Protein backbone atom coordinates (compact mmCIF):
# COMPACT_ATOMS: atom_id res chain seq x y z
CA MET A 1 32.23 130.74 58.35
CA GLU A 2 34.65 130.94 61.28
CA ASN A 3 37.34 128.29 61.55
CA ILE A 4 36.53 125.85 64.35
CA ILE A 5 39.25 125.50 67.00
CA LYS A 6 39.36 121.98 68.39
CA PHE A 7 40.27 122.37 72.06
CA GLY A 8 41.47 119.25 73.91
CA VAL A 9 41.62 118.80 77.69
CA LEU A 10 44.62 116.59 78.44
CA LYS A 11 44.85 113.84 81.02
CA GLU A 12 47.81 114.52 83.30
CA THR A 13 50.90 112.45 82.54
CA LYS A 14 53.41 113.74 85.09
CA ASN A 15 54.36 111.48 87.99
CA PRO A 16 53.46 111.85 90.82
CA PRO A 17 50.04 112.55 89.32
CA ASP A 18 48.19 115.83 89.77
CA ARG A 19 44.40 115.68 90.04
CA ARG A 20 43.74 119.31 89.08
CA VAL A 21 42.20 120.31 85.74
CA ALA A 22 42.44 123.50 83.72
CA VAL A 23 38.83 123.22 82.53
CA THR A 24 35.98 121.90 84.70
CA PRO A 25 32.84 120.32 83.17
CA GLU A 26 30.69 123.41 83.71
CA GLN A 27 33.45 125.63 82.32
CA CYS A 28 33.50 123.57 79.12
CA ILE A 29 29.87 124.53 78.54
CA GLU A 30 30.60 128.18 79.34
CA ILE A 31 33.51 128.22 76.88
CA GLN A 32 31.38 126.76 74.09
CA ASN A 33 28.65 129.32 74.79
CA ARG A 34 31.03 132.30 74.90
CA PHE A 35 33.27 131.17 72.04
CA PRO A 36 31.12 129.51 69.34
CA ASN A 37 34.26 128.82 67.27
CA VAL A 38 35.53 126.35 69.92
CA GLU A 39 34.74 122.63 70.03
CA ILE A 40 35.89 120.80 73.18
CA PHE A 41 37.15 117.23 73.60
CA ILE A 42 38.05 115.57 76.91
CA GLN A 43 40.79 112.95 77.05
CA ARG A 44 39.67 110.13 79.31
CA SER A 45 41.38 110.00 82.71
CA GLU A 46 40.93 107.97 85.86
CA LEU A 47 42.95 110.44 87.92
CA ARG A 48 41.43 113.89 87.64
CA CYS A 49 39.28 115.28 90.44
CA PHE A 50 36.37 115.81 88.03
CA LYS A 51 35.41 112.35 86.83
CA ASP A 52 34.82 111.42 83.20
CA HIS A 53 31.11 110.97 83.83
CA GLU A 54 30.86 114.57 85.11
CA TYR A 55 31.94 115.75 81.65
CA GLU A 56 29.89 113.12 79.83
CA ASN A 57 26.72 113.99 81.77
CA LEU A 58 26.90 117.50 80.28
CA GLY A 59 27.08 116.12 76.75
CA LEU A 60 30.81 116.64 76.31
CA LYS A 61 32.82 114.38 74.02
CA LEU A 62 35.24 111.98 75.69
CA VAL A 63 38.08 110.57 73.58
CA ASP A 64 41.19 108.46 74.09
CA SER A 65 43.39 110.54 71.78
CA LEU A 66 43.57 114.29 71.12
CA GLU A 67 45.56 113.95 67.88
CA HIS A 68 42.75 115.66 65.98
CA CYS A 69 42.76 118.75 68.25
CA ASP A 70 44.52 122.07 67.60
CA VAL A 71 45.05 123.33 71.16
CA LEU A 72 45.79 120.97 74.07
CA ILE A 73 45.52 122.17 77.66
CA GLY A 74 46.74 120.55 80.88
CA VAL A 75 48.13 121.59 84.26
CA LYS A 76 51.60 120.11 84.85
CA GLU A 77 54.39 119.21 82.41
CA VAL A 78 53.34 116.88 79.60
CA SER A 79 55.45 113.71 79.40
CA ILE A 80 57.82 113.80 76.43
CA PRO A 81 56.65 110.57 74.72
CA THR A 82 53.07 111.89 74.53
CA LEU A 83 53.89 115.22 72.82
CA ILE A 84 52.17 115.58 69.42
CA GLU A 85 54.04 117.40 66.67
CA GLY A 86 52.77 120.78 65.50
CA LYS A 87 50.14 121.26 68.21
CA THR A 88 49.65 124.19 70.59
CA TYR A 89 50.07 123.18 74.23
CA ILE A 90 49.19 125.13 77.37
CA PHE A 91 50.62 123.99 80.72
CA PHE A 92 53.07 124.88 83.49
CA SER A 93 56.29 123.90 81.72
CA HIS A 94 58.86 124.97 84.34
CA THR A 95 61.40 125.71 81.61
CA ALA A 96 61.69 129.50 81.46
CA LYS A 97 63.95 129.73 84.53
CA LYS A 98 66.38 127.27 82.91
CA GLN A 99 65.20 124.34 85.01
CA SER A 100 67.67 121.64 84.00
CA TYR A 101 65.25 118.80 84.75
CA ASN A 102 63.00 120.07 81.93
CA ARG A 103 65.69 120.88 79.36
CA LYS A 104 64.85 117.77 77.32
CA LEU A 105 61.17 118.72 77.40
CA LEU A 106 61.89 122.12 75.86
CA GLN A 107 64.27 120.59 73.31
CA GLU A 108 61.59 118.14 72.21
CA ILE A 109 58.97 120.91 71.97
CA LEU A 110 61.27 122.84 69.63
CA THR A 111 62.12 119.75 67.59
CA LYS A 112 58.44 118.91 67.12
CA LYS A 113 57.60 122.54 66.24
CA ILE A 114 55.10 122.71 69.07
CA THR A 115 53.71 126.06 70.21
CA LEU A 116 54.13 126.20 73.99
CA LEU A 117 52.13 128.66 76.09
CA ASP A 118 53.00 128.76 79.79
CA TYR A 119 50.44 129.86 82.41
CA GLU A 120 53.12 131.59 84.45
CA TYR A 121 53.64 134.11 81.65
CA PHE A 122 50.04 135.04 80.92
CA THR A 123 50.45 138.62 82.08
CA ASP A 124 48.96 142.06 81.56
CA ILE A 125 51.00 144.96 80.16
CA ASN A 126 52.30 145.69 83.68
CA LYS A 127 53.65 142.12 83.99
CA ASN A 128 51.01 141.13 86.55
CA ARG A 129 50.09 137.45 86.30
CA LEU A 130 46.57 136.78 85.09
CA VAL A 131 46.08 133.23 86.39
CA ALA A 132 47.65 131.39 89.31
CA PHE A 133 46.99 128.66 91.88
CA GLY A 134 48.87 130.58 94.59
CA LYS A 135 45.94 131.29 96.89
CA TRP A 136 45.19 127.58 97.19
CA ALA A 137 48.82 126.80 97.98
CA GLY A 138 48.51 129.18 100.92
CA ILE A 139 45.16 127.78 102.04
CA VAL A 140 46.45 124.20 102.10
CA GLY A 141 49.94 125.06 103.36
CA SER A 142 48.66 126.81 106.49
CA TYR A 143 46.20 123.96 107.09
CA ASN A 144 49.11 121.51 106.93
CA ALA A 145 50.93 123.65 109.50
CA LEU A 146 47.97 123.14 111.84
CA ILE A 147 48.02 119.39 111.16
CA ALA A 148 51.70 119.31 112.09
CA TYR A 149 51.19 121.34 115.26
CA GLY A 150 48.35 119.13 116.47
CA LYS A 151 50.26 115.91 115.77
CA ARG A 152 53.62 117.05 117.11
CA ASN A 153 52.07 118.21 120.39
CA LYS A 154 49.49 115.41 120.59
CA LEU A 155 46.72 117.99 120.91
CA PHE A 156 44.39 117.20 118.01
CA GLU A 157 44.16 115.39 114.71
CA LEU A 158 42.96 117.02 111.50
CA LYS A 159 41.74 115.23 108.40
CA ARG A 160 44.14 115.75 105.49
CA ALA A 161 43.06 118.37 102.94
CA LYS A 162 43.46 115.78 100.18
CA ASP A 163 40.83 113.65 101.90
CA CYS A 164 38.32 116.52 102.23
CA PHE A 165 35.72 116.79 99.47
CA ASP A 166 36.31 120.52 99.12
CA PHE A 167 37.28 123.72 100.93
CA ASN A 168 33.98 123.88 102.82
CA GLU A 169 34.76 120.58 104.53
CA LEU A 170 38.30 121.74 105.34
CA LYS A 171 36.94 124.94 106.91
CA GLN A 172 34.64 122.93 109.13
CA HIS A 173 37.57 120.93 110.50
CA VAL A 174 39.58 124.10 111.23
CA THR A 175 36.77 125.65 113.27
CA GLU A 176 36.67 122.59 115.54
CA ILE A 177 40.20 123.00 116.95
CA ASN A 178 41.56 125.16 119.75
CA LEU A 179 45.12 126.44 119.88
CA PRO A 180 47.07 127.33 123.02
CA ALA A 181 48.84 130.68 123.37
CA ILE A 182 51.32 130.25 120.52
CA LYS A 183 52.77 132.68 118.01
CA ILE A 184 52.25 132.05 114.28
CA LEU A 185 54.27 133.95 111.68
CA ILE A 186 53.53 134.35 107.96
CA SER A 187 56.00 135.92 105.51
CA GLY A 188 54.67 137.39 102.28
CA GLY A 189 51.98 139.75 101.06
CA GLY A 190 50.71 138.25 97.80
CA ARG A 191 48.17 135.61 96.75
CA VAL A 192 49.88 132.81 98.67
CA ALA A 193 50.03 134.72 101.96
CA LYS A 194 46.41 135.83 101.56
CA GLY A 195 45.42 132.19 101.12
CA ALA A 196 47.30 131.24 104.29
CA MET A 197 45.52 134.00 106.17
CA GLU A 198 42.16 132.84 104.80
CA THR A 199 42.55 129.46 106.49
CA LEU A 200 43.88 130.85 109.76
CA SER A 201 41.21 133.57 109.92
CA LEU A 202 38.72 130.78 110.67
CA LEU A 203 40.35 130.50 114.11
CA ASN A 204 39.68 134.19 114.88
CA LEU A 205 43.29 134.66 115.97
CA LYS A 206 44.42 137.99 117.26
CA LYS A 207 46.55 139.69 114.61
CA VAL A 208 49.45 141.62 116.10
CA SER A 209 52.08 144.04 114.81
CA PRO A 210 55.66 142.91 114.18
CA SER A 211 56.93 144.88 117.19
CA ASP A 212 54.33 143.38 119.53
CA PHE A 213 55.00 139.91 118.13
CA LEU A 214 58.68 140.29 118.96
CA THR A 215 58.40 141.92 122.36
CA LYS A 216 55.14 140.94 124.06
CA THR A 217 53.70 137.76 125.51
CA PHE A 218 50.05 136.89 125.07
CA ASN A 219 47.56 134.63 126.85
CA GLU A 220 45.96 133.66 123.55
CA PRO A 221 47.24 132.46 120.15
CA VAL A 222 48.35 135.31 117.89
CA ILE A 223 49.36 135.73 114.26
CA CYS A 224 51.69 138.19 112.56
CA GLN A 225 52.09 138.73 108.82
CA ILE A 226 55.29 140.38 107.57
CA ASP A 227 56.35 141.42 104.08
CA ALA A 228 59.73 142.30 102.59
CA ASP A 229 59.71 145.77 104.18
CA VAL A 230 59.91 144.03 107.57
CA TYR A 231 62.05 140.94 106.94
CA THR A 232 64.71 142.80 104.91
CA LYS A 233 66.44 146.18 105.14
CA ARG A 234 68.68 148.28 102.95
CA LYS A 235 72.38 147.65 103.53
CA ASP A 236 73.10 151.37 103.18
CA GLY A 237 70.46 152.31 105.74
CA SER A 238 68.12 154.02 103.27
CA ALA A 239 64.34 153.68 103.55
CA PHE A 240 62.79 150.49 102.17
CA ASP A 241 61.18 150.71 98.74
CA PHE A 242 59.39 147.70 97.22
CA GLN A 243 60.20 148.51 93.60
CA HIS A 244 63.84 149.12 94.48
CA PHE A 245 63.95 145.83 96.42
CA PHE A 246 62.55 143.81 93.52
CA LYS A 247 65.05 145.35 91.10
CA ASN A 248 68.07 145.36 93.44
CA PRO A 249 67.73 142.49 95.95
CA ARG A 250 71.50 142.30 96.45
CA MET A 251 71.39 145.73 98.11
CA TYR A 252 69.32 144.30 100.98
CA GLU A 253 70.10 142.13 104.00
CA SER A 254 67.89 139.97 106.16
CA SER A 255 66.25 141.31 109.30
CA PHE A 256 64.34 138.08 109.90
CA LYS A 257 66.42 136.48 112.67
CA PRO A 258 64.58 138.06 115.66
CA TYR A 259 61.41 136.28 114.54
CA THR A 260 63.11 132.88 114.85
CA LYS A 261 63.45 133.53 118.59
CA VAL A 262 59.73 133.99 119.29
CA ALA A 263 57.63 132.23 116.61
CA ASP A 264 56.30 128.72 117.25
CA ILE A 265 54.97 128.11 113.74
CA TYR A 266 56.42 129.74 110.63
CA ILE A 267 54.51 129.72 107.33
CA ALA A 268 56.71 130.87 104.43
CA ALA A 269 54.41 132.31 101.77
CA HIS A 270 56.67 134.89 100.15
CA PHE A 271 58.18 135.33 96.69
CA TRP A 272 61.95 134.81 96.80
CA ASP A 273 64.57 135.83 94.25
CA ASN A 274 67.90 133.97 93.98
CA ASN A 275 69.67 137.23 94.82
CA SER A 276 67.51 138.04 97.85
CA PRO A 277 68.87 137.59 101.38
CA ALA A 278 68.23 134.30 103.19
CA PHE A 279 65.57 133.94 105.86
CA ILE A 280 67.11 131.24 108.08
CA THR A 281 70.68 129.96 107.72
CA LYS A 282 72.08 126.67 109.03
CA GLN A 283 73.82 128.63 111.77
CA ASP A 284 70.57 130.24 112.94
CA TYR A 285 69.05 126.86 113.79
CA ILE A 286 71.80 125.89 116.21
CA GLU A 287 71.52 129.05 118.32
CA THR A 288 70.20 128.06 121.75
CA ASP A 289 67.26 130.47 121.64
CA PHE A 290 65.95 129.34 118.24
CA ASN A 291 62.25 128.75 118.92
CA ILE A 292 60.46 127.65 115.74
CA LYS A 293 59.25 124.05 115.88
CA ILE A 294 57.18 123.87 112.69
CA ILE A 295 57.99 125.39 109.28
CA ALA A 296 55.41 125.15 106.52
CA ASP A 297 57.44 126.29 103.53
CA VAL A 298 54.73 127.00 100.98
CA SER A 299 57.21 128.90 98.79
CA CYS A 300 59.41 125.77 98.68
CA ASP A 301 62.70 127.26 97.46
CA ILE A 302 65.22 124.54 98.18
CA ILE A 303 67.86 125.17 100.88
CA ASP A 304 69.02 128.72 100.05
CA PRO A 305 66.43 130.96 101.76
CA ILE A 306 65.32 128.50 104.48
CA ALA A 307 68.03 125.95 105.21
CA SER A 308 65.67 123.32 106.63
CA THR A 309 63.88 123.00 103.27
CA LEU A 310 66.16 120.20 102.12
CA ARG A 311 63.79 118.95 99.43
CA PRO A 312 60.17 119.17 98.32
CA SER A 313 57.91 116.86 100.29
CA THR A 314 54.90 115.19 98.69
CA ILE A 315 51.15 115.05 99.16
CA ALA A 316 51.62 111.36 100.05
CA GLU A 317 54.39 112.14 102.60
CA PRO A 318 54.00 115.81 103.56
CA PHE A 319 56.33 116.08 106.56
CA TYR A 320 59.95 115.40 107.38
CA GLY A 321 62.28 116.44 110.18
CA TYR A 322 65.29 118.75 110.11
CA ASN A 323 68.07 117.99 112.55
CA SER A 324 69.65 121.33 113.44
CA ALA A 325 72.83 119.79 114.81
CA THR A 326 73.65 117.81 111.68
CA GLY A 327 71.80 119.85 109.05
CA SER A 328 70.30 116.63 107.77
CA GLU A 329 66.89 115.02 107.47
CA GLY A 330 65.36 113.06 110.32
CA ASP A 331 62.09 111.98 111.91
CA ALA A 332 59.38 114.64 111.51
CA TRP A 333 58.03 114.03 115.02
CA ASP A 334 61.27 113.79 116.99
CA ASP A 335 61.27 116.54 119.63
CA ASN A 336 64.86 117.34 118.76
CA ASN A 337 63.99 118.05 115.12
CA ILE A 338 62.06 120.80 113.39
CA THR A 339 58.96 119.59 111.55
CA VAL A 340 59.08 120.69 107.91
CA MET A 341 56.30 120.73 105.30
CA SER A 342 57.49 121.65 101.79
CA ILE A 343 54.98 120.22 99.31
CA ASP A 344 55.52 121.92 95.94
CA ASN A 345 52.05 121.23 94.50
CA LEU A 346 49.83 122.12 97.45
CA PRO A 347 46.76 123.17 95.41
CA GLY A 348 46.58 119.52 94.34
CA GLU A 349 45.22 118.73 97.81
CA LEU A 350 42.04 120.73 97.10
CA PRO A 351 41.88 120.11 93.37
CA ARG A 352 38.20 120.85 92.78
CA ASN A 353 38.21 124.33 94.32
CA ALA A 354 41.61 125.21 92.88
CA SER A 355 40.57 124.06 89.41
CA VAL A 356 37.33 126.05 89.41
CA GLU A 357 39.05 129.31 90.34
CA PHE A 358 41.95 128.79 87.94
CA GLY A 359 39.64 127.91 85.05
CA THR A 360 37.48 130.97 85.71
CA GLY A 361 40.56 133.17 85.42
CA LEU A 362 41.40 131.61 82.05
CA ILE A 363 37.87 132.19 80.73
CA GLU A 364 37.80 135.82 81.82
CA LYS A 365 41.38 136.90 81.10
CA VAL A 366 43.05 134.56 78.60
CA TYR A 367 40.59 132.81 76.30
CA PRO A 368 39.31 136.01 74.63
CA SER A 369 42.87 136.50 73.33
CA LEU A 370 43.47 132.80 72.65
CA PHE A 371 40.28 132.22 70.69
CA GLY A 372 40.09 135.72 69.20
CA GLU A 373 42.50 138.57 68.53
CA ASP A 374 45.54 138.90 70.80
CA THR A 375 45.25 142.68 70.85
CA ASN A 376 46.94 143.05 74.26
CA GLY A 377 49.80 140.63 73.57
CA ILE A 378 48.71 138.20 76.29
CA ILE A 379 49.34 135.11 74.14
CA GLU A 380 52.51 136.50 72.60
CA ARG A 381 54.07 137.20 76.01
CA ALA A 382 53.37 133.62 77.13
CA THR A 383 54.70 131.91 73.98
CA ILE A 384 57.89 130.11 74.99
CA ALA A 385 58.22 128.28 71.69
CA LYS A 386 56.67 128.38 68.22
CA ASN A 387 57.55 126.83 64.84
CA GLY A 388 60.76 125.34 66.19
CA LYS A 389 62.05 128.62 67.62
CA LEU A 390 61.96 130.31 71.00
CA GLY A 391 59.36 133.04 71.48
CA ASN A 392 60.32 136.72 71.37
CA HIS A 393 60.44 136.97 75.17
CA PHE A 394 62.37 133.72 75.66
CA VAL A 395 65.32 133.94 73.27
CA TYR A 396 67.56 134.10 76.36
CA LEU A 397 66.96 130.34 76.70
CA GLN A 398 68.90 129.50 73.51
CA ASN A 399 72.21 128.62 75.21
CA PHE A 400 70.27 126.60 77.78
CA VAL A 401 68.53 124.68 74.99
CA ASP A 402 71.84 124.18 73.15
CA GLU A 403 73.45 122.85 76.35
CA LYS A 404 76.04 125.60 76.32
CA GLU A 405 75.18 126.48 79.89
CA TYR A 406 74.06 124.35 82.80
CA LYS A 407 71.93 125.02 85.83
């Protein structure tokens, strides 16, 4: 008889709380049907977007403690005092890039001989991520840009995404607004940017080329999406190549500045490397022809690529102002400031939709390896820690763990 794997769905313990779940009620049933060797337990929670009774109504077992489970799954970092020795945990740990604020978390995981699997590193053999919330970050981030535009210009008010039941309600609100002849810019070409475009496509905006965006005026609102081949260029003048750019970002310089002169709203939905060129510097903001009034920084890399992103904002307080003259924070709605949105957990505003899509990806692409044979190395590549040691792909973290280097 097959060994039964006891699979526990964690309540979120990070503050501020996140309402997303990795496994929805219906997905629990699907998992048990597809993987008969799995028994699921739900830790009671008053916070998650799917209520306890939604799990209980499907006959699922609710418990206060998951001590008896083998594999524990959550979304955000698990608080250190709640970690259970010897278990397998799956969550976004934010440790593999040497994030100093989670050093103690990783140290405790190693001390307690916990196996840590991180969603960010569930990849195929070509290093493509298998599961991500990115699309929903883009969907909500661009919606927040519209909220900011309406409020700043006293044109319309939109219900917050967090107060909508789901994406269908949000879409209804978008279709009810009208924009004047403004220019909206999106940077990026991946999941996040596609999500941003999905929201804005509801407005049937005219999509224009980069050259037309820079040089022409329009009597209707327009949108332009640019990727790295447009907002950067080779320093040596050679032709742009994506693979070369990703491997050698220092060999490129920014060509973004012209867009700051014509865009009204900028939605940053790109991937940024620490060695990549900046998008907007502190000096760019003080130039007299700087035009951008609203920046929705979905990517939320602090300060370096976009100088007005001074800090992450929160779902509770999504907007703050950037004073170009002083380089400091101010009132979000002061006409002299730029309105900034830099929430770093945007999918948490539409937790039900985001959770369903994320959980489906896990069922299709990860659980067959987790609950069966890891023939493609999916689990092995995502194992940050096991049996008190760093995983094969994460040994570079040893000095970070030992506090021999700081970041």
